[in-house]
Protein backbone atom coordinates (compact mmCIF):
# COMPACT_ATOMS: atom_id res chain seq x y z
CA MET A 1 17.86 1.64 18.38
CA SER A 2 16.62 1.84 14.84
CA SER A 3 14.21 3.50 13.51
CA LEU A 4 12.74 4.27 9.91
CA ASN A 5 11.79 7.95 8.60
CA PHE A 6 9.10 8.44 6.25
CA PHE A 7 7.86 11.16 4.47
CA GLU A 8 4.89 13.05 1.76
CA THR A 9 6.27 15.35 -0.65
CA ASN A 10 3.11 17.65 -0.33
CA SER A 11 2.16 19.81 1.86
CA GLN A 12 -0.08 18.07 3.95
CA SER A 13 3.31 16.04 4.95
CA SER A 14 4.61 14.91 8.74
CA HIS A 15 7.79 12.55 10.12
CA LEU A 16 7.22 9.48 11.00
CA THR A 17 8.84 7.52 13.89
CA VAL A 18 8.81 3.61 13.47
CA LEU A 19 10.59 2.14 15.51
CA LYS A 20 12.42 -1.34 14.98
CA LEU A 21 11.04 -4.40 16.02
CA GLN A 22 12.90 -6.39 18.33
CA ASP A 23 13.08 -10.69 17.09
CA ASP A 24 12.68 -11.37 20.49
CA GLY A 25 9.05 -9.09 19.83
CA SER A 26 9.72 -7.26 23.26
CA ASN A 27 9.29 -3.93 22.06
CA TRP A 28 5.87 -5.50 20.16
CA ALA A 29 3.45 -3.17 23.10
CA ASP A 30 5.22 -0.35 20.92
CA TYR A 31 6.24 -1.40 17.28
CA ALA A 32 2.51 -2.52 16.65
CA PRO A 33 0.63 0.88 17.78
CA ARG A 34 3.29 3.24 15.80
CA LEU A 35 2.75 0.90 12.89
CA GLN A 36 -0.50 0.90 12.72
CA LYS A 37 -1.07 5.15 13.62
CA ALA A 38 1.97 5.73 10.92
CA MET A 39 0.12 3.58 8.43
CA GLY A 40 -3.27 5.34 8.33
CA ALA A 41 -2.09 8.33 8.58
CA ARG A 42 -0.69 7.43 4.60
CA ASP A 43 -3.41 5.30 4.19
CA LEU A 44 -1.50 2.16 4.10
CA TRP A 45 -3.48 -0.23 6.62
CA ARG A 46 -6.52 -0.91 5.24
CA HIS A 47 -2.94 -2.61 2.87
CA VAL A 48 -1.35 -4.23 6.51
CA GLU A 49 -5.37 -5.59 6.35
CA GLY A 50 -6.37 -6.82 3.33
CA LYS A 51 -9.29 -4.60 3.15
CA ALA A 52 -8.26 -2.01 0.70
CA THR A 53 -10.07 -2.53 -2.91
CA VAL A 54 -8.62 -3.60 -5.63
CA PRO A 55 -9.56 -1.15 -8.58
CA LYS A 56 -10.58 -3.44 -11.87
CA PRO A 57 -9.68 -3.32 -15.12
CA TYR A 58 -12.45 -2.51 -17.78
CA GLU A 59 -13.34 -5.18 -19.39
CA LEU A 60 -11.92 -6.36 -23.00
CA VAL A 61 -14.78 -7.27 -25.87
CA ASN A 62 -13.33 -8.12 -29.34
CA GLY A 63 -10.51 -6.57 -27.42
CA ARG A 64 -11.84 -2.99 -26.76
CA ASN A 65 -12.35 -2.00 -22.88
CA THR A 66 -15.94 -1.50 -22.07
CA GLY A 67 -17.02 1.36 -20.08
CA SER A 68 -18.44 1.62 -16.98
CA THR A 69 -22.29 1.13 -18.97
CA GLY A 70 -20.91 -2.43 -19.93
CA TRP A 71 -19.84 -3.26 -23.69
CA GLU A 72 -22.13 -1.15 -25.55
CA LYS A 73 -19.95 1.67 -25.00
CA LYS A 74 -16.55 2.11 -25.48
CA ALA A 75 -14.20 3.62 -22.62
CA SER A 76 -12.31 6.90 -23.55
CA GLU A 77 -8.71 7.42 -23.63
CA ASP A 78 -9.46 9.25 -20.67
CA GLN A 79 -10.94 7.03 -18.81
CA ILE A 80 -8.53 3.44 -19.31
CA GLU A 81 -5.79 6.26 -18.75
CA ARG A 82 -7.88 7.35 -15.42
CA LYS A 83 -8.58 3.62 -14.31
CA GLU A 84 -4.68 1.84 -14.54
CA MET A 85 -3.39 5.04 -12.03
CA LYS A 86 -5.78 3.79 -10.01
CA LEU A 87 -3.99 0.15 -10.42
CA MET A 88 -1.10 1.76 -10.66
CA GLU A 89 -2.07 3.95 -6.94
CA PHE A 90 -3.33 0.71 -5.29
CA GLU A 91 -0.06 -1.27 -6.56
CA ARG A 92 2.64 2.13 -5.50
CA GLN A 93 0.83 1.07 -1.75
CA GLU A 94 1.30 -2.99 -1.65
CA TYR A 95 4.25 -1.81 -1.62
CA PHE A 96 4.96 1.14 0.40
CA ALA A 97 3.73 -1.02 2.96
CA GLN A 98 5.81 -4.10 2.19
CA HIS A 99 8.77 -2.71 2.37
CA ILE A 100 7.30 -0.20 5.55
CA ILE A 101 6.99 -3.85 7.87
CA LEU A 102 10.56 -5.05 6.11
CA SER A 103 11.84 -1.14 7.02
CA THR A 104 10.89 -1.93 10.46
CA THR A 105 11.52 -5.91 11.23
CA LEU A 106 15.40 -7.27 11.03
CA THR A 107 16.25 -9.12 8.38
CA ARG A 108 15.37 -12.46 9.92
CA LEU A 109 11.86 -11.81 11.02
CA GLY A 110 11.75 -10.37 7.75
CA ALA A 111 13.07 -13.58 5.66
CA LYS A 112 10.12 -15.56 7.66
CA MET A 113 7.32 -13.18 6.69
CA GLY A 114 8.25 -14.24 3.19
CA GLY A 115 5.56 -12.80 0.77
CA CYS A 116 2.74 -12.15 2.97
């Protein structure tokens, strides 16, 4: 039986294994909780459920990024960079969650899921 192993490169890393879901779904009872726990351990499950909050970029007013207090204050370079990093991290987690699901399902089933 095929499996997917994925690792985190920090001191809190641990080896996680998610078995592939069979095309006929016969191992769903084993697959589903393992997938949920593995993705939850990587803070990805909220992305699967659609509950992850998308960071909002700063609003542009007269071509300038506004700070958190509104358009009376221009956002600093550091604030803009931190906001962009949050947006990039959100996207990275979205793609990683999709990758795990597609990697743990057979090609035919993954094709049926399409852009879900």
